[in-house]
N, C-alpha and C. Protein backbone atom coordinates (compact mmCIF):
# COMPACT_ATOMS: atom_id res chain seq x y z
N MET A 1 -6.94 31.09 -9.53
CA MET A 1 -6.67 29.68 -10.07
C MET A 1 -5.98 29.25 -8.98
N LEU A 2 -5.77 27.98 -8.99
CA LEU A 2 -5.01 27.16 -8.21
C LEU A 2 -3.75 26.48 -8.34
N LYS A 3 -3.15 27.46 -6.33
CA LYS A 3 -2.43 27.24 -5.98
C LYS A 3 -1.50 26.09 -6.20
N THR A 4 -0.58 25.81 -6.62
CA THR A 4 0.09 24.03 -7.92
C THR A 4 1.22 23.88 -6.67
N TRP A 5 1.09 22.67 -6.23
CA TRP A 5 2.42 22.55 -5.35
C TRP A 5 2.76 20.51 -5.72
N ILE A 6 3.87 20.68 -5.53
CA ILE A 6 4.84 19.75 -5.98
C ILE A 6 5.42 18.38 -4.72
N LEU A 7 5.33 17.60 -4.13
CA LEU A 7 5.55 17.11 -3.09
C LEU A 7 6.62 16.16 -3.54
N LEU A 8 7.64 16.39 -2.65
CA LEU A 8 8.79 15.47 -2.83
C LEU A 8 9.71 14.29 -2.15
N HIS A 9 9.45 13.43 -2.23
CA HIS A 9 9.52 12.56 -0.75
C HIS A 9 11.54 13.00 -0.55
N GLY A 10 11.40 11.63 0.28
CA GLY A 10 13.46 12.08 0.55
C GLY A 10 13.91 10.36 0.71
N ALA A 11 15.28 10.73 0.78
CA ALA A 11 15.80 9.13 0.10
C ALA A 11 15.20 7.99 1.29
N LEU A 12 15.20 7.08 0.69
CA LEU A 12 14.84 5.33 0.89
C LEU A 12 12.87 5.74 1.03
N GLY A 13 12.70 6.68 0.55
CA GLY A 13 10.81 7.55 0.63
C GLY A 13 10.61 6.99 -0.67
N ALA A 14 9.06 7.81 -0.48
CA ALA A 14 8.52 7.50 -1.20
C ALA A 14 6.87 8.16 -1.61
N SER A 15 6.25 8.60 -2.55
CA SER A 15 5.34 9.32 -2.95
C SER A 15 4.53 8.92 -2.41
N SER A 16 4.35 7.67 -1.71
CA SER A 16 2.67 7.48 -1.07
C SER A 16 3.01 7.73 0.06
N GLN A 17 3.81 8.46 0.64
CA GLN A 17 3.97 8.93 2.16
C GLN A 17 3.15 10.07 2.23
N PHE A 18 3.08 10.82 1.19
CA PHE A 18 2.39 12.26 1.35
C PHE A 18 0.56 12.04 1.18
N ASP A 19 0.51 10.04 1.21
CA ASP A 19 -1.57 10.10 0.71
C ASP A 19 -2.12 11.02 2.19
N GLN A 20 -1.96 10.84 2.55
CA GLN A 20 -2.45 11.82 4.24
C GLN A 20 -2.58 13.30 3.79
N LEU A 21 -1.60 13.53 3.31
CA LEU A 21 -0.57 15.33 3.54
C LEU A 21 -1.83 15.75 2.20
N ARG A 22 -2.01 14.30 0.57
CA ARG A 22 -1.73 15.12 -0.32
C ARG A 22 -3.01 15.13 -0.49
N SER A 23 -4.45 14.52 0.65
CA SER A 23 -5.57 14.27 1.07
C SER A 23 -5.97 16.35 1.38
N ARG A 24 -5.16 16.04 2.50
CA ARG A 24 -5.88 16.95 2.60
C ARG A 24 -5.29 18.72 2.54
N PHE A 25 -4.82 18.53 1.42
CA PHE A 25 -3.63 19.35 1.05
C PHE A 25 -4.69 19.59 -0.16
N SER A 26 -4.78 19.09 -1.25
CA SER A 26 -5.69 18.73 -2.31
C SER A 26 -6.61 19.42 -1.66
N GLU A 27 -7.59 19.83 -0.37
CA GLU A 27 -8.97 20.49 0.43
C GLU A 27 -8.10 21.98 -1.33
N ALA A 28 -7.72 22.39 -0.74
CA ALA A 28 -7.53 24.11 -1.92
C ALA A 28 -6.52 24.38 -2.23
N TYR A 29 -5.82 23.12 -2.26
CA TYR A 29 -4.51 23.15 -3.51
C TYR A 29 -4.79 22.53 -4.57
N LYS A 30 -3.89 22.47 -6.26
CA LYS A 30 -3.08 21.42 -7.15
C LYS A 30 -1.93 21.03 -6.65
N VAL A 31 -2.52 19.44 -5.73
CA VAL A 31 -0.98 19.10 -5.79
C VAL A 31 -0.40 17.85 -6.65
N TYR A 32 0.72 17.22 -6.78
CA TYR A 32 1.77 16.70 -8.18
C TYR A 32 2.26 16.10 -6.80
N THR A 33 2.43 14.74 -6.93
CA THR A 33 4.06 13.23 -6.51
C THR A 33 4.24 12.42 -7.13
N PHE A 34 5.53 12.58 -7.08
CA PHE A 34 5.76 11.90 -7.80
C PHE A 34 6.64 10.78 -7.56
N ASP A 35 7.48 9.45 -8.39
CA ASP A 35 8.81 8.88 -7.30
C ASP A 35 10.32 9.01 -8.06
N PHE A 36 10.94 9.32 -7.33
CA PHE A 36 12.43 9.62 -8.34
C PHE A 36 12.82 8.46 -8.12
N TYR A 37 13.62 8.12 -8.99
CA TYR A 37 13.77 6.83 -10.21
C TYR A 37 14.16 5.90 -9.77
N GLY A 38 14.12 4.87 -9.64
CA GLY A 38 14.54 3.66 -8.50
C GLY A 38 14.52 3.77 -7.39
N HIS A 39 12.45 4.38 -6.53
CA HIS A 39 12.09 4.66 -5.73
C HIS A 39 10.91 4.00 -5.49
N GLY A 40 9.91 3.59 -5.08
CA GLY A 40 8.88 3.25 -5.31
C GLY A 40 8.46 2.35 -6.31
N GLY A 41 9.31 1.77 -6.60
CA GLY A 41 8.88 0.83 -8.32
C GLY A 41 9.12 1.34 -9.21
N LYS A 42 9.15 2.40 -9.23
CA LYS A 42 9.73 2.69 -10.50
C LYS A 42 11.02 2.76 -11.37
N PRO A 43 11.10 2.21 -12.53
CA PRO A 43 12.28 1.82 -12.95
C PRO A 43 13.40 3.18 -12.75
N MET A 44 15.17 1.92 -12.81
CA MET A 44 15.58 2.84 -12.90
C MET A 44 15.99 3.98 -13.58
N LEU A 45 16.88 4.54 -13.70
CA LEU A 45 16.97 5.78 -15.09
C LEU A 45 18.47 5.27 -15.80
N HIS A 46 19.18 5.27 -14.19
CA HIS A 46 20.20 6.32 -14.04
C HIS A 46 21.11 4.48 -13.69
N GLU A 47 22.34 4.61 -13.61
CA GLU A 47 23.70 3.18 -13.21
C GLU A 47 23.11 3.25 -12.28
N HIS A 48 22.97 4.94 -11.73
CA HIS A 48 22.86 5.07 -10.37
C HIS A 48 21.92 6.64 -9.13
N PHE A 49 21.80 6.51 -7.83
CA PHE A 49 21.80 7.73 -7.96
C PHE A 49 22.35 8.75 -7.51
N ARG A 50 21.99 9.85 -7.92
CA ARG A 50 22.34 11.34 -7.45
C ARG A 50 21.61 12.29 -8.02
N ILE A 51 22.23 13.26 -7.10
CA ILE A 51 21.09 14.58 -7.33
C ILE A 51 20.90 14.84 -7.60
N ALA A 52 22.25 16.05 -8.42
CA ALA A 52 21.67 16.33 -10.71
C ALA A 52 20.76 15.76 -11.07
N HIS A 53 21.03 13.88 -11.03
CA HIS A 53 20.54 13.50 -11.73
C HIS A 53 18.31 13.38 -11.36
N PHE A 54 17.85 13.80 -10.18
CA PHE A 54 17.59 14.21 -9.31
C PHE A 54 16.23 15.49 -9.92
N ALA A 55 17.29 15.94 -9.29
CA ALA A 55 17.25 17.41 -10.21
C ALA A 55 16.41 17.44 -11.54
N ARG A 56 16.71 17.17 -12.44
CA ARG A 56 16.28 17.09 -14.01
C ARG A 56 15.33 15.95 -13.54
N GLU A 57 14.81 14.98 -13.22
CA GLU A 57 13.95 14.68 -13.01
C GLU A 57 12.79 15.81 -12.09
N LEU A 58 13.12 17.15 -11.47
CA LEU A 58 12.25 17.47 -11.15
C LEU A 58 11.93 18.53 -12.54
N ARG A 59 12.75 18.50 -13.43
CA ARG A 59 12.52 20.44 -14.06
C ARG A 59 11.60 19.15 -15.71
N GLU A 60 11.95 18.22 -15.36
CA GLU A 60 11.40 17.37 -16.62
C GLU A 60 9.71 16.88 -15.83
N PHE A 61 10.28 17.16 -15.26
CA PHE A 61 8.31 16.28 -14.20
C PHE A 61 7.19 18.15 -14.64
N ILE A 62 8.01 19.27 -13.53
CA ILE A 62 7.69 20.17 -14.39
C ILE A 62 6.75 20.22 -16.16
N GLY A 63 8.47 19.90 -16.10
CA GLY A 63 8.51 20.61 -18.34
C GLY A 63 6.97 20.12 -18.59
N SER A 64 6.70 18.00 -18.18
CA SER A 64 6.53 18.00 -19.02
C SER A 64 4.62 17.76 -18.43
N ASN A 65 5.00 18.42 -17.17
CA ASN A 65 2.94 18.85 -16.79
C ASN A 65 2.88 20.47 -16.91
N GLY A 66 3.50 20.74 -18.17
CA GLY A 66 3.18 22.30 -18.71
C GLY A 66 2.62 22.96 -16.47
N LEU A 67 3.34 22.83 -15.56
CA LEU A 67 3.32 23.66 -14.39
C LEU A 67 4.58 24.53 -14.68
N HIS A 68 3.74 25.93 -13.84
CA HIS A 68 4.88 27.64 -14.29
C HIS A 68 5.20 27.90 -12.90
N ARG A 69 5.86 28.18 -12.43
CA ARG A 69 6.58 28.08 -10.62
C ARG A 69 6.08 27.62 -9.87
N PRO A 70 6.09 26.39 -9.63
CA PRO A 70 5.14 25.13 -8.94
C PRO A 70 5.54 24.99 -7.98
N HIS A 71 4.89 26.12 -6.02
CA HIS A 71 5.18 25.67 -5.46
C HIS A 71 5.95 24.03 -4.98
N VAL A 72 7.07 23.82 -3.74
CA VAL A 72 7.48 22.68 -4.02
C VAL A 72 8.34 22.39 -2.11
N PHE A 73 7.77 20.57 -1.96
CA PHE A 73 7.68 21.20 -0.96
C PHE A 73 8.64 19.65 -0.86
N GLY A 74 10.07 19.89 -0.36
CA GLY A 74 10.71 18.08 -0.33
C GLY A 74 10.95 18.37 1.35
N TYR A 75 11.19 16.65 1.52
CA TYR A 75 10.81 16.76 2.52
C TYR A 75 12.06 16.44 2.44
N SER A 76 13.38 16.25 3.56
CA SER A 76 14.68 15.45 3.52
C SER A 76 15.22 15.59 2.38
N MET A 77 15.68 14.34 2.12
CA MET A 77 16.40 14.40 0.78
C MET A 77 15.98 15.06 -0.85
N GLY A 78 14.36 15.44 -0.51
CA GLY A 78 13.52 16.66 -1.85
C GLY A 78 13.86 17.46 -1.61
N GLY A 79 14.44 18.31 -0.39
CA GLY A 79 14.64 20.13 -0.55
C GLY A 79 15.25 19.66 -0.81
N TYR A 80 16.93 19.37 -0.80
CA TYR A 80 17.44 18.90 -1.47
C TYR A 80 17.64 19.28 -2.94
N VAL A 81 17.14 18.77 -3.27
CA VAL A 81 16.48 18.15 -5.26
C VAL A 81 16.13 19.48 -5.37
N ALA A 82 15.14 19.99 -4.85
CA ALA A 82 14.83 20.99 -5.07
C ALA A 82 15.39 22.09 -5.75
N ALA A 83 16.38 22.67 -4.52
CA ALA A 83 17.24 23.67 -4.10
C ALA A 83 18.35 23.41 -5.30
N VAL A 84 18.69 22.27 -5.68
CA VAL A 84 19.08 22.19 -6.60
C VAL A 84 19.12 22.42 -8.02
N ALA A 85 17.54 22.11 -7.96
CA ALA A 85 17.12 21.44 -9.24
C ALA A 85 16.96 23.72 -9.82
N GLU A 86 16.50 24.87 -8.11
CA GLU A 86 16.17 26.29 -8.91
C GLU A 86 17.57 26.52 -9.56
N ILE A 87 18.84 26.15 -8.30
CA ILE A 87 19.77 27.28 -8.98
C ILE A 87 21.19 26.32 -9.44
N ASN A 88 20.36 25.49 -11.06
CA ASN A 88 20.10 25.22 -11.57
C ASN A 88 19.60 25.12 -13.15
N ASN A 89 18.11 26.06 -12.20
CA ASN A 89 17.97 26.81 -13.31
C ASN A 89 16.03 28.32 -12.12
N PRO A 90 16.98 28.92 -12.83
CA PRO A 90 16.57 30.24 -11.65
C PRO A 90 15.34 30.24 -12.27
N GLY A 91 14.19 30.65 -11.01
CA GLY A 91 12.66 30.97 -11.83
C GLY A 91 12.27 29.36 -12.06
N LEU A 92 13.02 27.96 -12.18
CA LEU A 92 11.90 27.54 -12.26
C LEU A 92 11.60 27.11 -11.47
N LEU A 93 10.56 27.09 -9.79
CA LEU A 93 9.76 27.43 -8.51
C LEU A 93 9.59 27.72 -7.91
N GLY A 94 8.32 28.16 -7.95
CA GLY A 94 7.37 29.12 -7.22
C GLY A 94 8.01 29.99 -5.72
N SER A 95 7.86 28.47 -5.27
CA SER A 95 8.24 29.51 -3.65
C SER A 95 9.30 27.16 -3.00
N LEU A 96 9.50 27.52 -2.52
CA LEU A 96 10.70 25.93 -1.37
C LEU A 96 10.34 25.89 -0.09
N VAL A 97 9.25 24.49 0.29
CA VAL A 97 9.30 24.74 1.91
C VAL A 97 10.53 23.81 1.75
N THR A 98 11.17 23.20 2.90
CA THR A 98 12.10 21.59 2.86
C THR A 98 11.90 21.71 4.50
N LEU A 99 11.51 20.34 4.21
CA LEU A 99 11.88 19.95 6.40
C LEU A 99 12.74 19.17 6.38
N GLY A 100 13.71 18.45 7.82
CA GLY A 100 14.64 17.99 7.95
C GLY A 100 15.40 17.70 6.65
N THR A 101 15.36 18.81 6.28
CA THR A 101 16.70 18.39 5.24
C THR A 101 18.76 17.89 5.39
N LYS A 102 19.25 17.91 4.91
CA LYS A 102 20.66 18.29 5.61
C LYS A 102 20.74 18.61 4.47
N TRP A 103 21.45 20.07 5.28
CA TRP A 103 22.47 20.41 4.07
C TRP A 103 24.22 20.48 4.37
N ALA A 104 25.26 20.20 5.82
CA ALA A 104 26.24 19.78 5.13
C ALA A 104 26.63 19.17 4.98
N TRP A 105 27.19 18.60 4.45
CA TRP A 105 27.98 17.17 3.99
C TRP A 105 29.53 17.43 4.30
N SER A 106 30.00 16.20 4.94
CA SER A 106 31.05 16.64 4.16
C SER A 106 31.84 14.54 3.91
N PRO A 107 33.45 13.48 4.06
CA PRO A 107 33.33 12.80 4.81
C PRO A 107 32.77 11.97 5.19
N GLU A 108 33.85 12.59 6.23
CA GLU A 108 32.94 12.20 7.65
C GLU A 108 31.99 12.12 7.84
N ILE A 109 31.20 12.62 7.51
CA ILE A 109 28.93 12.93 7.53
C ILE A 109 29.07 11.72 6.54
N ALA A 110 29.26 12.01 5.13
CA ALA A 110 28.52 10.64 4.60
C ALA A 110 29.04 9.13 5.36
N GLU A 111 30.76 9.27 5.36
CA GLU A 111 30.51 8.12 6.69
C GLU A 111 29.63 7.44 7.52
N MET A 112 29.46 8.47 8.25
CA MET A 112 28.75 7.78 9.52
C MET A 112 27.14 8.27 9.33
N GLU A 113 26.34 8.56 7.93
CA GLU A 113 25.25 7.71 7.42
C GLU A 113 24.61 6.64 6.82
N MET A 114 26.20 6.48 5.86
CA MET A 114 26.17 4.79 5.19
C MET A 114 26.14 4.45 6.03
N ARG A 115 26.53 3.96 7.47
CA ARG A 115 27.18 3.04 8.14
C ARG A 115 25.24 2.50 9.18
N LYS A 116 24.79 3.51 9.12
CA LYS A 116 23.17 2.90 8.90
C LYS A 116 22.75 2.15 7.04
N LEU A 117 23.21 2.56 6.60
CA LEU A 117 23.01 2.26 5.11
C LEU A 117 22.79 0.55 4.65
N ASN A 118 22.88 -0.72 5.24
CA ASN A 118 23.34 -1.47 5.01
C ASN A 118 22.79 -3.00 4.92
N PRO A 119 21.91 -2.81 3.96
CA PRO A 119 20.68 -3.49 3.70
C PRO A 119 20.92 -5.12 3.99
N GLU A 120 21.69 -5.44 4.66
CA GLU A 120 21.89 -7.36 5.55
C GLU A 120 22.36 -6.77 6.65
N ARG A 121 22.62 -5.82 7.14
CA ARG A 121 22.63 -5.59 8.94
C ARG A 121 20.53 -5.20 9.19
N ILE A 122 20.21 -4.61 7.69
CA ILE A 122 18.88 -3.72 8.55
C ILE A 122 18.07 -5.58 8.05
N GLN A 123 18.31 -6.22 7.76
CA GLN A 123 17.63 -7.26 7.73
C GLN A 123 17.88 -8.67 8.45
N GLU A 124 18.94 -8.46 9.33
CA GLU A 124 19.44 -8.32 9.86
C GLU A 124 18.53 -8.22 12.29
N LYS A 125 19.30 -6.34 11.88
CA LYS A 125 19.27 -6.02 12.87
C LYS A 125 17.87 -5.47 13.30
N VAL A 126 17.37 -5.35 11.71
CA VAL A 126 16.02 -3.70 12.18
C VAL A 126 15.12 -4.89 11.42
N PRO A 127 14.22 -6.72 11.37
CA PRO A 127 13.87 -7.07 9.83
C PRO A 127 12.83 -6.07 9.66
N GLN A 128 11.41 -5.98 10.63
CA GLN A 128 10.19 -4.74 10.21
C GLN A 128 10.24 -4.02 9.57
N PHE A 129 11.46 -3.44 9.72
CA PHE A 129 12.08 -2.49 9.03
C PHE A 129 11.41 -2.86 7.34
N ALA A 130 13.24 -3.58 7.29
CA ALA A 130 13.66 -4.10 5.88
C ALA A 130 12.11 -4.11 5.56
N GLY A 131 11.15 -4.94 6.05
CA GLY A 131 9.75 -5.04 5.29
C GLY A 131 9.11 -4.73 5.12
N PHE A 132 9.17 -3.16 6.18
CA PHE A 132 8.39 -1.76 5.43
C PHE A 132 8.99 -1.42 3.95
N LEU A 133 9.71 -1.07 3.83
CA LEU A 133 11.41 -1.13 3.56
C LEU A 133 10.68 -2.20 1.88
N ALA A 134 10.77 -2.96 2.16
CA ALA A 134 10.66 -4.12 0.63
C ALA A 134 8.67 -2.95 0.50
N ASP A 135 8.07 -3.50 1.14
CA ASP A 135 7.00 -3.15 1.11
C ASP A 135 6.26 -1.52 0.25
N ARG A 136 7.60 -1.31 -0.36
CA ARG A 136 7.42 0.35 -0.12
C ARG A 136 8.10 0.21 -1.67
N HIS A 137 9.57 0.19 -1.40
CA HIS A 137 10.33 -0.24 -3.12
C HIS A 137 9.64 -1.47 -3.95
N GLY A 138 9.67 -2.73 -3.12
CA GLY A 138 9.40 -4.29 -3.80
C GLY A 138 10.25 -4.73 -3.56
N VAL A 139 9.99 -5.96 -3.30
CA VAL A 139 11.61 -7.38 -2.64
C VAL A 139 11.84 -7.41 -3.25
N ASP A 140 12.38 -7.33 -4.36
CA ASP A 140 13.45 -7.75 -4.68
C ASP A 140 14.37 -6.10 -5.25
N ASN A 141 13.79 -5.11 -4.61
CA ASN A 141 14.24 -3.69 -5.44
C ASN A 141 14.84 -3.20 -3.58
N TRP A 142 14.26 -3.18 -2.68
CA TRP A 142 14.46 -2.39 -1.87
C TRP A 142 16.14 -2.97 -1.24
N ALA A 143 16.92 -3.55 -1.18
CA ALA A 143 18.84 -3.56 -0.30
C ALA A 143 18.96 -2.77 -1.63
N ASN A 144 18.65 -2.77 -3.19
CA ASN A 144 19.18 -2.35 -4.14
C ASN A 144 18.97 -0.81 -3.86
N VAL A 145 18.41 -0.04 -3.21
CA VAL A 145 17.84 2.14 -3.16
C VAL A 145 18.63 1.79 -1.29
N VAL A 146 18.69 0.61 -1.24
CA VAL A 146 19.08 1.33 0.43
C VAL A 146 20.88 1.45 0.16
N ARG A 147 21.42 0.14 -1.10
CA ARG A 147 22.77 0.23 -1.50
C ARG A 147 23.33 1.68 -2.96
N ASN A 148 21.88 2.17 -3.09
CA ASN A 148 22.59 3.07 -3.58
C ASN A 148 22.03 4.81 -3.16
N THR A 149 21.34 4.21 -2.06
CA THR A 149 21.43 5.80 -1.65
C THR A 149 22.55 5.77 -0.92
N ALA A 150 23.24 4.96 0.14
CA ALA A 150 24.44 4.91 0.67
C ALA A 150 25.61 5.75 -0.09
N GLU A 151 26.02 4.52 -1.39
CA GLU A 151 26.30 5.23 -2.61
C GLU A 151 26.62 7.29 -3.15
N MET A 152 25.18 7.66 -2.79
CA MET A 152 25.33 8.70 -3.09
C MET A 152 25.07 9.68 -2.56
N MET A 153 24.85 9.37 -1.37
CA MET A 153 25.65 10.01 0.15
C MET A 153 27.14 10.11 0.74
N GLN A 154 27.24 8.79 -0.13
CA GLN A 154 29.06 9.69 -0.29
C GLN A 154 29.57 10.65 -1.70
N ASP A 155 29.09 10.32 -2.49
CA ASP A 155 28.81 10.99 -3.45
C ASP A 155 28.78 12.93 -3.29
N LEU A 156 28.10 13.29 -2.40
CA LEU A 156 27.42 14.38 -2.00
C LEU A 156 28.82 14.55 -0.49
N GLY A 157 28.76 13.69 0.33
CA GLY A 157 29.54 14.71 0.91
C GLY A 157 31.29 14.84 -0.18
N PHE A 158 31.50 13.79 -0.95
CA PHE A 158 32.56 14.61 -1.82
C PHE A 158 32.32 15.89 -2.37
N ASN A 159 31.27 15.59 -3.31
CA ASN A 159 30.68 16.36 -3.33
C ASN A 159 29.61 18.06 -3.74
N PRO A 160 29.96 18.35 -2.00
CA PRO A 160 28.24 19.43 -1.29
C PRO A 160 28.25 20.30 -2.59
N LEU A 161 27.47 20.79 -1.65
CA LEU A 161 27.41 22.82 -2.51
C LEU A 161 28.62 23.20 -2.58
N PRO A 162 28.58 23.45 -3.99
CA PRO A 162 29.44 25.00 -2.88
C PRO A 162 28.93 25.68 -2.30
N ASP A 163 29.91 26.42 -1.59
CA ASP A 163 29.64 27.86 -0.91
C ASP A 163 29.88 28.36 -1.52
N GLY A 164 27.91 28.92 -1.15
CA GLY A 164 28.47 30.63 -1.92
C GLY A 164 26.53 30.26 -3.27
N GLN A 165 26.70 28.42 -3.18
CA GLN A 165 25.87 28.34 -4.13
C GLN A 165 24.24 28.65 -3.74
N LEU A 166 23.61 28.31 -2.45
CA LEU A 166 22.70 28.90 -2.32
C LEU A 166 22.06 30.33 -1.77
N ALA A 167 22.89 31.43 -2.15
CA ALA A 167 23.32 32.95 -1.38
C ALA A 167 22.02 33.30 -3.48
N GLY A 168 22.53 32.34 -4.46
CA GLY A 168 22.28 32.37 -5.67
C GLY A 168 20.46 31.86 -6.04
N ILE A 169 20.05 31.58 -5.21
CA ILE A 169 17.84 31.14 -4.58
C ILE A 169 17.74 32.52 -4.86
N ARG A 170 17.28 32.77 -5.50
CA ARG A 170 16.13 34.43 -5.44
C ARG A 170 14.53 34.17 -4.81
N ILE A 171 13.41 32.84 -4.93
CA ILE A 171 12.46 32.10 -4.61
C ILE A 171 12.47 32.63 -2.44
N PRO A 172 10.84 32.63 -1.84
CA PRO A 172 11.17 32.65 -1.01
C PRO A 172 11.48 30.91 -0.44
N VAL A 173 11.79 30.76 0.57
CA VAL A 173 12.47 29.66 1.15
C VAL A 173 12.22 29.70 2.27
N LYS A 174 11.84 28.54 2.90
CA LYS A 174 11.46 28.12 4.62
C LYS A 174 12.20 26.49 4.96
N VAL A 175 13.40 26.78 5.76
CA VAL A 175 13.20 25.97 5.80
C VAL A 175 12.65 25.12 7.05
N LEU A 176 12.36 24.31 7.46
CA LEU A 176 11.90 24.24 8.39
C LEU A 176 12.29 23.32 9.05
N LEU A 177 13.20 22.34 10.76
CA LEU A 177 13.67 22.04 10.86
C LEU A 177 12.75 20.93 12.28
N GLY A 178 12.96 19.64 12.98
CA GLY A 178 12.21 19.50 13.74
C GLY A 178 12.82 19.63 14.70
N ASP A 179 11.87 19.57 16.33
CA ASP A 179 12.89 19.77 17.31
C ASP A 179 13.90 18.20 17.76
N SER A 180 13.30 17.72 17.53
CA SER A 180 13.20 16.53 17.93
C SER A 180 14.52 15.50 17.10
N ASP A 181 14.86 16.02 16.11
CA ASP A 181 15.40 16.22 14.88
C ASP A 181 16.70 15.35 14.67
N ASN A 182 17.64 13.68 14.83
CA ASN A 182 18.26 13.06 14.83
C ASN A 182 19.05 12.96 14.42
N MET A 183 18.77 14.00 13.24
CA MET A 183 19.90 13.69 11.56
C MET A 183 20.33 14.83 11.33
N VAL A 184 19.64 15.66 11.35
CA VAL A 184 19.98 17.56 10.88
C VAL A 184 20.04 18.18 11.96
N SER A 185 21.40 18.82 12.59
CA SER A 185 21.08 19.65 13.49
C SER A 185 20.30 21.25 13.43
N ARG A 186 20.11 21.98 14.10
CA ARG A 186 19.58 23.34 14.00
C ARG A 186 20.68 24.38 13.71
N ASP A 187 21.72 24.08 13.52
CA ASP A 187 22.77 24.78 13.35
C ASP A 187 23.17 24.97 12.16
N GLU A 188 23.31 23.95 10.97
CA GLU A 188 23.44 23.47 9.94
C GLU A 188 21.69 23.66 8.90
N SER A 189 20.94 24.32 9.96
CA SER A 189 19.10 24.63 9.12
C SER A 189 18.96 26.02 8.74
N GLU A 190 19.81 26.37 9.68
CA GLU A 190 20.16 28.08 10.22
C GLU A 190 20.48 29.09 9.62
N GLN A 191 22.34 27.86 9.40
CA GLN A 191 23.15 28.29 8.69
C GLN A 191 22.48 28.95 6.58
N ALA A 192 21.39 27.15 6.99
CA ALA A 192 21.60 27.70 4.80
C ALA A 192 20.62 27.96 4.54
N ALA A 193 19.68 29.36 6.06
CA ALA A 193 18.42 29.59 5.69
C ALA A 193 18.85 31.30 5.81
N SER A 194 20.25 30.93 6.78
CA SER A 194 20.88 32.66 6.82
C SER A 194 21.37 32.52 5.20
N GLN A 195 22.24 32.10 4.08
CA GLN A 195 22.66 31.79 3.29
C GLN A 195 21.06 32.68 2.30
N ILE A 196 20.41 31.55 1.58
CA ILE A 196 19.60 32.39 1.15
C ILE A 196 18.39 33.81 0.71
N PRO A 197 18.77 34.21 0.51
CA PRO A 197 17.86 36.03 0.51
C PRO A 197 16.77 35.97 0.66
N GLY A 198 15.98 34.78 0.18
CA GLY A 198 14.33 34.51 0.69
C GLY A 198 14.34 34.26 2.08
N GLY A 199 15.54 33.45 2.64
CA GLY A 199 15.23 32.52 2.90
C GLY A 199 14.38 32.68 4.97
N GLN A 200 13.47 31.34 5.87
CA GLN A 200 13.57 31.97 6.70
C GLN A 200 13.51 30.11 7.72
N PHE A 201 13.92 30.69 8.82
CA PHE A 201 14.25 29.11 9.75
C PHE A 201 13.28 28.81 10.39
N HIS A 202 12.17 27.75 10.70
CA HIS A 202 11.91 27.44 11.38
C HIS A 202 11.66 26.45 12.90
N ILE A 203 11.58 25.50 13.28
CA ILE A 203 11.32 25.06 14.60
C ILE A 203 9.87 24.40 14.75
N LEU A 204 9.52 22.60 14.04
CA LEU A 204 8.26 22.57 14.55
C LEU A 204 8.42 21.56 16.30
N LYS A 205 7.60 21.58 17.15
CA LYS A 205 7.70 21.35 18.02
C LYS A 205 6.96 20.20 17.71
N ASP A 206 7.43 19.31 18.43
CA ASP A 206 7.30 17.44 19.05
C ASP A 206 7.48 17.40 18.14
N THR A 207 8.49 17.43 16.80
CA THR A 207 8.34 16.59 15.65
C THR A 207 10.28 15.83 15.34
N PRO A 208 9.50 14.55 15.67
CA PRO A 208 11.05 13.80 15.10
C PRO A 208 11.42 14.31 13.38
N HIS A 209 12.91 13.47 13.65
CA HIS A 209 12.70 13.18 11.43
C HIS A 209 12.02 12.48 10.67
N PRO A 210 11.65 11.24 11.49
CA PRO A 210 11.00 9.91 10.21
C PRO A 210 9.46 11.06 9.49
N PHE A 211 8.91 10.99 8.49
CA PHE A 211 7.26 11.39 8.73
C PHE A 211 6.86 10.98 8.50
N GLU A 212 6.73 10.27 9.00
CA GLU A 212 6.09 9.07 9.24
C GLU A 212 5.31 10.13 10.67
N GLN A 213 6.20 10.10 11.34
CA GLN A 213 6.13 10.68 12.23
C GLN A 213 4.97 12.34 12.88
N VAL A 214 5.61 12.86 11.87
CA VAL A 214 5.24 14.34 12.01
C VAL A 214 3.74 14.93 11.60
N LYS A 215 3.14 15.78 12.46
CA LYS A 215 2.21 15.85 12.72
C LYS A 215 1.97 16.50 11.34
N THR A 216 -0.37 16.28 10.80
CA THR A 216 0.09 17.14 9.25
C THR A 216 -0.20 18.59 9.24
N ASP A 217 -1.84 18.60 10.96
CA ASP A 217 -1.50 20.14 10.79
C ASP A 217 -0.66 20.60 11.41
N VAL A 218 0.79 20.43 12.10
CA VAL A 218 1.68 20.81 11.99
C VAL A 218 2.39 21.03 11.01
N LEU A 219 2.50 20.21 9.46
CA LEU A 219 3.36 21.14 8.32
C LEU A 219 2.25 22.01 8.47
N MET A 220 0.88 21.30 7.95
CA MET A 220 0.43 21.85 6.98
C MET A 220 1.05 24.20 8.26
N ALA A 221 0.22 24.21 8.61
CA ALA A 221 1.07 25.35 8.90
C ALA A 221 1.74 26.66 8.62
N HIS A 222 2.68 25.45 7.80
CA HIS A 222 3.03 26.58 6.58
C HIS A 222 3.90 26.29 5.78
N LEU A 223 2.24 25.36 4.94
CA LEU A 223 2.29 25.31 3.83
C LEU A 223 1.46 25.45 3.33
N THR A 224 1.86 27.13 3.46
CA THR A 224 0.59 27.71 2.33
C THR A 224 1.16 29.45 1.34
């Protein structure tokens, strides 16, 4: 039986980010992707973005597709969502690989991240990025995705995973971090991996945070 993987996108992302990885990965595995609600043109299921809602969406996706303990790759927010889903539903996943996931949250950290998520400022200062987001989420929806993501980060800042929660994860977990990631620190990634009984930490060379700049071959070496 082929090993089953689910690829989870990050904040402001969509499943289309994984087209190249999915194509390569499908040669040896059964691969699933999906968009979290409100992303990639998918309708909103709740008034706001919340990690707990995305984690429930992952659990429901697994159930509706009849998957048994699939392996999950979660990029950035996707890794956090998968970890929360496993904490809330022990044994839901077979293993987890995260890349560029931010584990350390506080009101101050959230405030810093939220400053980058102003759609009007993005439109004015980085119109190319605004166009990119419009293509990904829809012309009439991209600004809403940005605002909801900022609000979600604020919620994370005040409601991070409680101390000791990661220790409850009993599946193998690889915490990957690009050596040029300017959003996630090595210290928080190593600490997260050390708290998980089956956790491992690995650095990816010449790898920044944006998934579009991650080398597929470098990443795939850890997805086996």
